Each structure stands twice: as C-alpha cells, then as structure tokens.
Amino acid sequence: MSKLTLSVDSRVVSRAKRYAKQRGASVSEMVEAYLAAVAKPSSPATRDAPILRSVRGSLKKADVQRYKSHLSAKYR
C-alpha cells in the first residue's frame, strides 16, 4: 500500500471524518474508492448517463422521415 499526502481545508476534513464515521468507513477508504472509480478505464457505454443507457436502442425501428414530417407540421 502506498502513502499519499493531500492538502485539504480543515473544515472539509472534519466533515469528511464525520461522514466516514456515520458510514463505518475511514476517510482513507473513501478517498481510495473515489480514486479507483475515477481512474478506472471506461468504455464508451459506461461514460453515458444511466438514463441514456436505459433508453439506448429503443428507437431502432423508428421512421425518421415520419418524425421529420411530424416536427415540420408541429413547428409551422
């Protein structure tokens, strides 16, 4: 395990310690989990917001021309 020195505002450290204690974790564990999450290589699918992943593929059979006609009529 490597050691890392950070400079953090003392008020932030106090709040982080309270938050960690409430969750039964240490600040070190929280920082490690955060760094692991942001440093993990991501694929294009994981970069999308969850809401986008949930609707992906739902318009595969959509009629684009019909939709364009609908928009044209709607915004005359």
C-alpha atoms as a PDB file:
ATOM      1  CA  MET A   1       0.000   0.000   0.000  1.00  0.00           C
ATOM      2  CA  SER A   2       1.300   3.437  -0.946  1.00  0.00           C
ATOM      3  CA  LYS A   3       1.030   6.533   1.166  1.00  0.00           C
ATOM      4  CA  LEU A   4      -0.351   9.793  -0.260  1.00  0.00           C
ATOM      5  CA  THR A   5      -0.196  13.258   1.270  1.00  0.00           C
ATOM      6  CA  LEU A   6      -3.006  15.661   0.424  1.00  0.00           C
ATOM      7  CA  SER A   7      -3.643  19.288   1.317  1.00  0.00           C
ATOM      8  CA  VAL A   8      -7.310  19.716   2.216  1.00  0.00           C
ATOM      9  CA  ASP A   9      -9.155  22.502   4.001  1.00  0.00           C
ATOM     10  CA  SER A  10      -9.569  21.598   7.682  1.00  0.00           C
ATOM     11  CA  ARG A  11     -13.350  22.125   7.557  1.00  0.00           C
ATOM     12  CA  VAL A  12     -13.608  19.673   4.680  1.00  0.00           C
ATOM     13  CA  VAL A  13     -11.526  17.150   6.617  1.00  0.00           C
ATOM     14  CA  SER A  14     -13.810  17.484   9.650  1.00  0.00           C
ATOM     15  CA  ARG A  15     -16.943  16.955   7.566  1.00  0.00           C
ATOM     16  CA  ALA A  16     -15.335  14.021   5.736  1.00  0.00           C
ATOM     17  CA  LYS A  17     -14.422  12.361   9.031  1.00  0.00           C
ATOM     18  CA  ARG A  18     -17.998  12.720  10.326  1.00  0.00           C
ATOM     19  CA  TYR A  19     -19.384  11.377   7.050  1.00  0.00           C
ATOM     20  CA  ALA A  20     -16.995   8.400   7.087  1.00  0.00           C
ATOM     21  CA  LYS A  21     -17.762   7.608  10.734  1.00  0.00           C
ATOM     22  CA  GLN A  22     -21.514   7.600  10.048  1.00  0.00           C
ATOM     23  CA  ARG A  23     -20.933   5.034   7.319  1.00  0.00           C
ATOM     24  CA  GLY A  24     -18.467   2.893   9.213  1.00  0.00           C
ATOM     25  CA  ALA A  25     -15.570   3.727   6.921  1.00  0.00           C
ATOM     26  CA  SER A  26     -12.365   5.703   7.089  1.00  0.00           C
ATOM     27  CA  VAL A  27     -11.537   8.802   5.087  1.00  0.00           C
ATOM     28  CA  SER A  28      -8.692   6.815   3.517  1.00  0.00           C
ATOM     29  CA  GLU A  29     -11.140   4.146   2.348  1.00  0.00           C
ATOM     30  CA  MET A  30     -13.444   6.785   0.887  1.00  0.00           C
ATOM     31  CA  VAL A  31     -10.606   8.530  -0.941  1.00  0.00           C
ATOM     32  CA  GLU A  32      -9.307   5.198  -2.253  1.00  0.00           C
ATOM     33  CA  ALA A  33     -12.782   4.227  -3.509  1.00  0.00           C
ATOM     34  CA  TYR A  34     -13.175   7.601  -5.207  1.00  0.00           C
ATOM     35  CA  LEU A  35      -9.764   7.456  -6.859  1.00  0.00           C
ATOM     36  CA  ALA A  36     -10.380   3.890  -8.007  1.00  0.00           C
ATOM     37  CA  ALA A  37     -13.681   4.952  -9.571  1.00  0.00           C
ATOM     38  CA  VAL A  38     -12.331   7.976 -11.432  1.00  0.00           C
ATOM     39  CA  ALA A  39      -9.076   6.327 -12.505  1.00  0.00           C
ATOM     40  CA  LYS A  40     -10.741   3.184 -13.866  1.00  0.00           C
ATOM     41  CA  PRO A  41     -10.577   2.888 -17.660  1.00  0.00           C
ATOM     42  CA  SER A  42     -14.037   3.412 -19.055  1.00  0.00           C
ATOM     43  CA  SER A  43     -15.664   2.125 -22.174  1.00  0.00           C
ATOM     44  CA  PRO A  44     -17.929   4.377 -24.252  1.00  0.00           C
ATOM     45  CA  ALA A  45     -21.008   2.653 -22.789  1.00  0.00           C
ATOM     46  CA  THR A  46     -20.029   3.455 -19.191  1.00  0.00           C
ATOM     47  CA  ARG A  47     -19.457   7.135 -19.944  1.00  0.00           C
ATOM     48  CA  ASP A  48     -23.136   7.667 -20.755  1.00  0.00           C
ATOM     49  CA  ALA A  49     -25.533   8.713 -18.062  1.00  0.00           C
ATOM     50  CA  PRO A  50     -27.667   5.865 -16.683  1.00  0.00           C
ATOM     51  CA  ILE A  51     -30.801   7.352 -18.228  1.00  0.00           C
ATOM     52  CA  LEU A  52     -29.177   7.217 -21.662  1.00  0.00           C
ATOM     53  CA  ARG A  53     -28.151   3.596 -21.167  1.00  0.00           C
ATOM     54  CA  SER A  54     -31.719   2.735 -20.202  1.00  0.00           C
ATOM     55  CA  VAL A  55     -33.198   4.072 -23.457  1.00  0.00           C
ATOM     56  CA  ARG A  56     -30.411   3.015 -25.817  1.00  0.00           C
ATOM     57  CA  GLY A  57     -31.770   1.040 -28.755  1.00  0.00           C
ATOM     58  CA  SER A  58     -35.403   1.960 -28.157  1.00  0.00           C
ATOM     59  CA  LEU A  59     -35.662   3.823 -31.483  1.00  0.00           C
ATOM     60  CA  LYS A  60     -34.046   1.243 -33.748  1.00  0.00           C
ATOM     61  CA  LYS A  61     -37.211   0.819 -35.816  1.00  0.00           C
ATOM     62  CA  ALA A  62     -38.209   4.491 -35.794  1.00  0.00           C
ATOM     63  CA  ASP A  63     -39.277   6.068 -39.085  1.00  0.00           C
ATOM     64  CA  VAL A  64     -37.009   9.113 -39.310  1.00  0.00           C
ATOM     65  CA  GLN A  65     -38.885  10.633 -42.256  1.00  0.00           C
ATOM     66  CA  ARG A  66     -42.201  10.368 -40.396  1.00  0.00           C
ATOM     67  CA  TYR A  67     -40.639  12.066 -37.377  1.00  0.00           C
ATOM     68  CA  LYS A  68     -39.271  14.889 -39.558  1.00  0.00           C
ATOM     69  CA  SER A  69     -42.724  15.374 -41.064  1.00  0.00           C
ATOM     70  CA  HIS A  70     -44.225  15.483 -37.593  1.00  0.00           C
ATOM     71  CA  LEU A  71     -41.738  18.149 -36.476  1.00  0.00           C
ATOM     72  CA  SER A  72     -42.281  20.164 -39.656  1.00  0.00           C
ATOM     73  CA  ALA A  73     -46.041  20.195 -39.116  1.00  0.00           C
ATOM     74  CA  LYS A  74     -45.712  20.911 -35.401  1.00  0.00           C
ATOM     75  CA  TYR A  75     -43.444  23.933 -35.772  1.00  0.00           C
ATOM     76  CA  ARG A  76     -45.093  25.718 -38.733  1.00  0.00           C
END
